[in-house]
Amino acid sequence: MSLPNEAQAALDSFQAAAGWEQRARLLMQWGERLPALGEAEKIEANRVHGCESQVWLTGSLQDGRWRFSASSDARMIRGLVALLLVRVNGLGAEELQGLDLPDWFNQLGLSRQLSPSRSNGLNAVLQRMRELTRQP
């Protein structure tokens, strides 16, 4: 499966990074680029449960393709969520169901730095995305 352009750009920049410090800086930059959710979207119904940090997620279907927006109160999580969004935005529901999240973060060179709680949190975000795609 080919990557969306933005995901390929992320992959290229992370693979070119020399070591964890550069990747951490890139991660923060991706988090800063994440468009903020409005206060009206930061409601309990949009909160992702299973994350230690506060994470909110919204999704909409446009022409059979999903677009997600998210926000977090934690810088590192914001970066990770931003990288998840560039990987999933524009996918159809079936492609989203089959996404291999650990493989994506492994390709980015970030999987070793993901603590179990961060990994669980990202999985919770992906699960929430999958739930949204199944709603009528």
N, C-alpha and C. Protein backbone atom coordinates (compact mmCIF):
# COMPACT_ATOMS: atom_id res chain seq x y z
N MET A 1 0.85 -1.18 0.00
CA MET A 1 0.00 0.00 0.00
C MET A 1 0.89 1.24 0.00
N SER A 2 0.64 2.15 -0.91
CA SER A 2 1.48 3.34 -0.96
C SER A 2 1.03 4.33 0.12
N LEU A 3 1.97 5.13 0.55
CA LEU A 3 1.71 6.09 1.61
C LEU A 3 1.15 7.38 1.06
N PRO A 4 0.27 8.05 1.85
CA PRO A 4 -0.13 9.41 1.48
C PRO A 4 1.13 10.29 1.42
N ASN A 5 1.11 11.33 0.58
CA ASN A 5 2.30 12.18 0.39
C ASN A 5 2.88 12.71 1.70
N GLU A 6 2.00 13.20 2.57
CA GLU A 6 2.49 13.77 3.83
C GLU A 6 3.13 12.70 4.71
N ALA A 7 2.57 11.50 4.67
CA ALA A 7 3.15 10.40 5.45
C ALA A 7 4.52 10.02 4.89
N GLN A 8 4.66 10.02 3.57
CA GLN A 8 5.95 9.72 2.95
C GLN A 8 6.99 10.77 3.33
N ALA A 9 6.55 12.04 3.35
CA ALA A 9 7.46 13.13 3.74
C ALA A 9 7.91 12.96 5.19
N ALA A 10 6.98 12.56 6.06
CA ALA A 10 7.32 12.32 7.47
C ALA A 10 8.32 11.18 7.56
N LEU A 11 8.04 10.11 6.85
CA LEU A 11 8.91 8.93 6.87
C LEU A 11 10.32 9.31 6.41
N ASP A 12 10.40 10.06 5.31
CA ASP A 12 11.71 10.47 4.79
C ASP A 12 12.49 11.29 5.82
N SER A 13 11.80 12.25 6.47
CA SER A 13 12.52 13.11 7.42
C SER A 13 12.94 12.33 8.66
N PHE A 14 12.10 11.40 9.12
CA PHE A 14 12.47 10.62 10.31
C PHE A 14 13.59 9.63 10.00
N GLN A 15 13.56 9.04 8.80
CA GLN A 15 14.61 8.09 8.45
C GLN A 15 15.94 8.78 8.23
N ALA A 16 15.90 10.07 7.87
CA ALA A 16 17.13 10.83 7.66
C ALA A 16 17.70 11.36 8.98
N ALA A 17 16.89 11.34 10.03
CA ALA A 17 17.33 11.88 11.32
C ALA A 17 18.44 11.00 11.91
N ALA A 18 19.48 11.67 12.42
CA ALA A 18 20.60 10.94 13.02
C ALA A 18 20.36 10.82 14.52
N GLY A 19 19.73 9.73 14.91
CA GLY A 19 19.57 9.47 16.34
C GLY A 19 18.29 10.01 16.96
N TRP A 20 18.12 9.64 18.21
CA TRP A 20 16.88 9.92 18.93
C TRP A 20 16.66 11.41 19.16
N GLU A 21 17.73 12.17 19.45
CA GLU A 21 17.54 13.60 19.72
C GLU A 21 16.92 14.32 18.54
N GLN A 22 17.41 14.03 17.34
CA GLN A 22 16.85 14.66 16.14
C GLN A 22 15.41 14.21 15.92
N ARG A 23 15.14 12.93 16.17
CA ARG A 23 13.77 12.44 16.01
C ARG A 23 12.84 13.10 17.02
N ALA A 24 13.31 13.28 18.24
CA ALA A 24 12.49 13.91 19.28
C ALA A 24 12.16 15.34 18.87
N ARG A 25 13.14 16.05 18.29
CA ARG A 25 12.90 17.41 17.82
C ARG A 25 11.87 17.42 16.70
N LEU A 26 12.02 16.48 15.75
CA LEU A 26 11.06 16.35 14.65
C LEU A 26 9.66 16.09 15.19
N LEU A 27 9.60 15.21 16.18
CA LEU A 27 8.32 14.84 16.79
C LEU A 27 7.62 16.07 17.37
N MET A 28 8.38 16.91 18.07
CA MET A 28 7.82 18.13 18.65
C MET A 28 7.33 19.07 17.54
N GLN A 29 8.11 19.16 16.45
CA GLN A 29 7.72 20.03 15.34
C GLN A 29 6.41 19.54 14.70
N TRP A 30 6.28 18.23 14.54
CA TRP A 30 5.03 17.70 13.98
C TRP A 30 3.86 18.02 14.90
N GLY A 31 4.09 17.92 16.20
CA GLY A 31 3.05 18.24 17.17
C GLY A 31 2.63 19.69 17.10
N GLU A 32 3.60 20.59 16.87
CA GLU A 32 3.29 22.02 16.78
C GLU A 32 2.48 22.33 15.53
N ARG A 33 2.63 21.51 14.49
CA ARG A 33 1.90 21.74 13.23
C ARG A 33 0.46 21.24 13.30
N LEU A 34 0.17 20.45 14.31
CA LEU A 34 -1.18 19.89 14.44
C LEU A 34 -2.18 21.02 14.65
N PRO A 35 -3.15 21.19 13.74
CA PRO A 35 -4.12 22.27 13.93
C PRO A 35 -4.90 22.07 15.23
N ALA A 36 -5.07 23.14 15.96
CA ALA A 36 -5.77 23.04 17.25
C ALA A 36 -7.26 22.75 17.04
N LEU A 37 -7.81 21.95 17.92
CA LEU A 37 -9.25 21.73 17.93
C LEU A 37 -9.88 22.89 18.68
N GLY A 38 -11.07 23.28 18.27
CA GLY A 38 -11.78 24.32 18.99
C GLY A 38 -12.27 23.80 20.34
N GLU A 39 -12.51 24.70 21.27
CA GLU A 39 -13.01 24.30 22.59
C GLU A 39 -14.31 23.50 22.47
N ALA A 40 -15.13 23.82 21.47
CA ALA A 40 -16.41 23.13 21.29
C ALA A 40 -16.20 21.65 20.94
N GLU A 41 -15.02 21.33 20.41
CA GLU A 41 -14.72 19.93 20.05
C GLU A 41 -14.05 19.17 21.19
N LYS A 42 -13.57 19.92 22.19
CA LYS A 42 -12.90 19.27 23.33
C LYS A 42 -13.95 18.90 24.37
N ILE A 43 -14.83 18.00 23.97
CA ILE A 43 -15.91 17.56 24.86
C ILE A 43 -15.71 16.09 25.19
N GLU A 44 -16.39 15.65 26.21
CA GLU A 44 -16.25 14.27 26.67
C GLU A 44 -16.51 13.26 25.56
N ALA A 45 -17.49 13.54 24.71
CA ALA A 45 -17.83 12.59 23.63
C ALA A 45 -16.67 12.39 22.65
N ASN A 46 -15.77 13.38 22.54
CA ASN A 46 -14.63 13.27 21.63
C ASN A 46 -13.34 12.85 22.32
N ARG A 47 -13.40 12.66 23.64
CA ARG A 47 -12.19 12.30 24.37
C ARG A 47 -11.89 10.83 24.14
N VAL A 48 -10.61 10.54 23.92
CA VAL A 48 -10.18 9.15 23.73
C VAL A 48 -9.85 8.56 25.10
N HIS A 49 -10.53 7.49 25.43
CA HIS A 49 -10.26 6.84 26.72
C HIS A 49 -9.16 5.80 26.53
N GLY A 50 -8.32 5.63 27.52
CA GLY A 50 -7.22 4.69 27.40
C GLY A 50 -5.89 5.41 27.23
N CYS A 51 -5.93 6.74 27.22
CA CYS A 51 -4.71 7.55 27.13
C CYS A 51 -4.46 8.16 28.51
N GLU A 52 -3.19 8.18 28.92
CA GLU A 52 -2.86 8.84 30.18
C GLU A 52 -3.02 10.35 30.03
N SER A 53 -2.70 10.87 28.84
CA SER A 53 -2.86 12.30 28.56
C SER A 53 -4.28 12.52 28.05
N GLN A 54 -4.67 13.78 28.02
CA GLN A 54 -5.96 14.13 27.43
C GLN A 54 -5.78 14.13 25.91
N VAL A 55 -6.59 13.36 25.21
CA VAL A 55 -6.58 13.36 23.75
C VAL A 55 -8.02 13.44 23.28
N TRP A 56 -8.27 14.35 22.33
CA TRP A 56 -9.60 14.48 21.73
C TRP A 56 -9.47 14.15 20.26
N LEU A 57 -10.50 13.51 19.71
CA LEU A 57 -10.45 13.10 18.31
C LEU A 57 -11.81 13.31 17.66
N THR A 58 -11.79 13.89 16.46
CA THR A 58 -13.01 13.99 15.66
C THR A 58 -12.70 13.42 14.28
N GLY A 59 -13.72 12.93 13.62
CA GLY A 59 -13.53 12.38 12.29
C GLY A 59 -14.72 12.68 11.41
N SER A 60 -14.46 12.82 10.11
CA SER A 60 -15.56 13.02 9.18
C SER A 60 -15.24 12.29 7.88
N LEU A 61 -16.29 11.85 7.23
CA LEU A 61 -16.18 11.11 5.98
C LEU A 61 -16.44 12.05 4.83
N GLN A 62 -15.51 12.13 3.88
CA GLN A 62 -15.67 12.99 2.71
C GLN A 62 -15.33 12.16 1.47
N ASP A 63 -16.31 11.95 0.62
CA ASP A 63 -16.11 11.17 -0.61
C ASP A 63 -15.50 9.80 -0.34
N GLY A 64 -15.98 9.14 0.69
CA GLY A 64 -15.50 7.79 1.00
C GLY A 64 -14.14 7.73 1.67
N ARG A 65 -13.58 8.88 2.00
CA ARG A 65 -12.27 8.95 2.66
C ARG A 65 -12.42 9.63 4.01
N TRP A 66 -11.68 9.15 4.99
CA TRP A 66 -11.77 9.71 6.34
C TRP A 66 -10.76 10.82 6.57
N ARG A 67 -11.20 11.86 7.29
CA ARG A 67 -10.32 12.95 7.73
C ARG A 67 -10.50 13.07 9.24
N PHE A 68 -9.41 12.99 9.94
CA PHE A 68 -9.45 13.10 11.40
C PHE A 68 -8.73 14.35 11.86
N SER A 69 -9.20 14.87 12.98
CA SER A 69 -8.52 15.97 13.67
C SER A 69 -8.37 15.53 15.11
N ALA A 70 -7.28 15.96 15.72
CA ALA A 70 -7.04 15.55 17.10
C ALA A 70 -6.24 16.62 17.83
N SER A 71 -6.27 16.53 19.13
CA SER A 71 -5.52 17.45 19.97
C SER A 71 -5.14 16.72 21.25
N SER A 72 -4.06 17.16 21.86
CA SER A 72 -3.64 16.58 23.13
C SER A 72 -3.01 17.66 23.98
N ASP A 73 -3.06 17.44 25.30
CA ASP A 73 -2.44 18.40 26.20
C ASP A 73 -0.95 18.08 26.42
N ALA A 74 -0.47 16.98 25.86
CA ALA A 74 0.93 16.57 26.05
C ALA A 74 1.71 16.72 24.75
N ARG A 75 2.85 17.39 24.81
CA ARG A 75 3.63 17.69 23.59
C ARG A 75 4.04 16.43 22.83
N MET A 76 4.57 15.47 23.54
CA MET A 76 5.05 14.25 22.88
C MET A 76 3.89 13.51 22.22
N ILE A 77 2.78 13.42 22.92
CA ILE A 77 1.59 12.75 22.38
C ILE A 77 1.06 13.51 21.17
N ARG A 78 1.07 14.85 21.25
CA ARG A 78 0.62 15.65 20.11
C ARG A 78 1.43 15.30 18.86
N GLY A 79 2.74 15.16 19.02
CA GLY A 79 3.59 14.78 17.89
C GLY A 79 3.27 13.40 17.36
N LEU A 80 3.09 12.45 18.26
CA LEU A 80 2.77 11.08 17.86
C LEU A 80 1.41 11.02 17.15
N VAL A 81 0.45 11.76 17.70
CA VAL A 81 -0.89 11.78 17.10
C VAL A 81 -0.82 12.44 15.72
N ALA A 82 -0.02 13.50 15.59
CA ALA A 82 0.14 14.17 14.29
C ALA A 82 0.67 13.18 13.26
N LEU A 83 1.63 12.35 13.67
CA LEU A 83 2.20 11.35 12.76
C LEU A 83 1.19 10.25 12.44
N LEU A 84 0.35 9.94 13.39
CA LEU A 84 -0.71 8.96 13.13
C LEU A 84 -1.71 9.55 12.12
N LEU A 85 -2.06 10.83 12.30
CA LEU A 85 -3.04 11.47 11.41
C LEU A 85 -2.54 11.53 9.97
N VAL A 86 -1.24 11.85 9.78
CA VAL A 86 -0.77 11.93 8.38
C VAL A 86 -0.79 10.55 7.74
N ARG A 87 -0.71 9.52 8.56
CA ARG A 87 -0.75 8.15 8.03
C ARG A 87 -2.17 7.71 7.69
N VAL A 88 -3.16 8.17 8.45
CA VAL A 88 -4.53 7.67 8.27
C VAL A 88 -5.45 8.60 7.49
N ASN A 89 -5.18 9.91 7.50
CA ASN A 89 -6.09 10.82 6.81
C ASN A 89 -6.13 10.51 5.32
N GLY A 90 -7.35 10.41 4.81
CA GLY A 90 -7.52 10.10 3.40
C GLY A 90 -7.73 8.62 3.11
N LEU A 91 -7.67 7.79 4.16
CA LEU A 91 -7.91 6.36 3.96
C LEU A 91 -9.41 6.06 3.98
N GLY A 92 -9.79 4.98 3.34
CA GLY A 92 -11.14 4.48 3.45
C GLY A 92 -11.25 3.64 4.72
N ALA A 93 -12.46 3.32 5.12
CA ALA A 93 -12.68 2.57 6.36
C ALA A 93 -11.95 1.22 6.35
N GLU A 94 -11.97 0.52 5.22
CA GLU A 94 -11.32 -0.79 5.16
C GLU A 94 -9.81 -0.68 5.32
N GLU A 95 -9.22 0.32 4.67
CA GLU A 95 -7.77 0.51 4.79
C GLU A 95 -7.41 0.83 6.24
N LEU A 96 -8.26 1.61 6.88
CA LEU A 96 -8.03 2.00 8.27
C LEU A 96 -8.07 0.77 9.18
N GLN A 97 -9.02 -0.12 8.90
CA GLN A 97 -9.14 -1.34 9.72
C GLN A 97 -7.87 -2.18 9.63
N GLY A 98 -7.21 -2.15 8.47
CA GLY A 98 -6.04 -3.00 8.27
C GLY A 98 -4.71 -2.34 8.58
N LEU A 99 -4.73 -1.10 9.08
CA LEU A 99 -3.49 -0.38 9.34
C LEU A 99 -2.66 -1.05 10.43
N ASP A 100 -1.38 -1.24 10.16
CA ASP A 100 -0.46 -1.82 11.13
C ASP A 100 0.28 -0.68 11.83
N LEU A 101 -0.26 -0.27 12.97
CA LEU A 101 0.28 0.88 13.69
C LEU A 101 1.72 0.66 14.18
N PRO A 102 2.01 -0.50 14.82
CA PRO A 102 3.40 -0.71 15.27
C PRO A 102 4.39 -0.63 14.11
N ASP A 103 3.98 -1.14 12.94
CA ASP A 103 4.87 -1.11 11.79
C ASP A 103 5.16 0.33 11.36
N TRP A 104 4.13 1.19 11.37
CA TRP A 104 4.31 2.59 10.99
C TRP A 104 5.32 3.28 11.90
N PHE A 105 5.15 3.12 13.23
CA PHE A 105 6.08 3.77 14.16
C PHE A 105 7.45 3.13 14.13
N ASN A 106 7.51 1.86 13.77
CA ASN A 106 8.78 1.17 13.59
C ASN A 106 9.53 1.77 12.39
N GLN A 107 8.80 1.99 11.28
CA GLN A 107 9.41 2.60 10.09
C GLN A 107 9.94 4.00 10.39
N LEU A 108 9.23 4.72 11.24
CA LEU A 108 9.64 6.08 11.61
C LEU A 108 10.84 6.05 12.57
N GLY A 109 11.15 4.87 13.11
CA GLY A 109 12.25 4.76 14.06
C GLY A 109 11.86 5.21 15.45
N LEU A 110 10.56 5.18 15.74
CA LEU A 110 10.08 5.67 17.04
C LEU A 110 9.61 4.56 17.97
N SER A 111 9.50 3.34 17.46
CA SER A 111 8.88 2.29 18.28
C SER A 111 9.67 2.00 19.56
N ARG A 112 10.99 2.09 19.51
CA ARG A 112 11.79 1.81 20.72
C ARG A 112 11.57 2.87 21.79
N GLN A 113 11.21 4.08 21.36
CA GLN A 113 11.00 5.16 22.32
C GLN A 113 9.58 5.22 22.86
N LEU A 114 8.71 4.38 22.33
CA LEU A 114 7.32 4.40 22.80
C LEU A 114 7.21 3.58 24.08
N SER A 115 6.90 4.26 25.15
CA SER A 115 6.68 3.54 26.41
C SER A 115 5.39 2.74 26.25
N PRO A 116 5.20 1.70 27.09
CA PRO A 116 3.95 0.94 26.99
C PRO A 116 2.71 1.83 27.11
N SER A 117 2.75 2.85 27.99
CA SER A 117 1.55 3.69 28.15
C SER A 117 1.31 4.54 26.90
N ARG A 118 2.40 5.04 26.27
CA ARG A 118 2.22 5.81 25.02
C ARG A 118 1.72 4.91 23.91
N SER A 119 2.27 3.72 23.85
CA SER A 119 1.85 2.75 22.84
C SER A 119 0.37 2.42 23.02
N ASN A 120 -0.04 2.19 24.25
CA ASN A 120 -1.44 1.90 24.55
C ASN A 120 -2.33 3.08 24.18
N GLY A 121 -1.84 4.28 24.47
CA GLY A 121 -2.60 5.49 24.15
C GLY A 121 -2.81 5.63 22.65
N LEU A 122 -1.76 5.39 21.86
CA LEU A 122 -1.87 5.48 20.40
C LEU A 122 -2.82 4.41 19.87
N ASN A 123 -2.74 3.22 20.46
CA ASN A 123 -3.66 2.17 20.05
C ASN A 123 -5.10 2.55 20.38
N ALA A 124 -5.30 3.24 21.51
CA ALA A 124 -6.63 3.70 21.89
C ALA A 124 -7.14 4.72 20.87
N VAL A 125 -6.25 5.59 20.38
CA VAL A 125 -6.63 6.58 19.37
C VAL A 125 -7.04 5.86 18.08
N LEU A 126 -6.23 4.88 17.66
CA LEU A 126 -6.54 4.13 16.45
C LEU A 126 -7.86 3.37 16.60
N GLN A 127 -8.07 2.78 17.77
CA GLN A 127 -9.33 2.06 18.02
C GLN A 127 -10.52 3.00 17.91
N ARG A 128 -10.35 4.20 18.46
CA ARG A 128 -11.43 5.21 18.40
C ARG A 128 -11.71 5.58 16.94
N MET A 129 -10.65 5.72 16.13
CA MET A 129 -10.83 6.02 14.72
C MET A 129 -11.63 4.91 14.04
N ARG A 130 -11.28 3.68 14.37
CA ARG A 130 -11.97 2.55 13.77
C ARG A 130 -13.44 2.52 14.20
N GLU A 131 -13.70 2.87 15.47
CA GLU A 131 -15.09 2.94 15.94
C GLU A 131 -15.86 4.00 15.15
N LEU A 132 -15.25 5.16 14.95
CA LEU A 132 -15.91 6.24 14.22
C LEU A 132 -16.25 5.80 12.80
N THR A 133 -15.38 5.02 12.17
CA THR A 133 -15.64 4.60 10.78
C THR A 133 -16.76 3.56 10.70
N ARG A 134 -17.06 2.94 11.83
CA ARG A 134 -18.13 1.91 11.83
C ARG A 134 -19.49 2.49 12.20
N GLN A 135 -19.51 3.73 12.68
CA GLN A 135 -20.80 4.33 13.06
C GLN A 135 -21.62 4.64 11.83
N PRO A 136 -22.95 4.40 11.91
CA PRO A 136 -23.81 4.65 10.74
C PRO A 136 -23.86 6.13 10.38
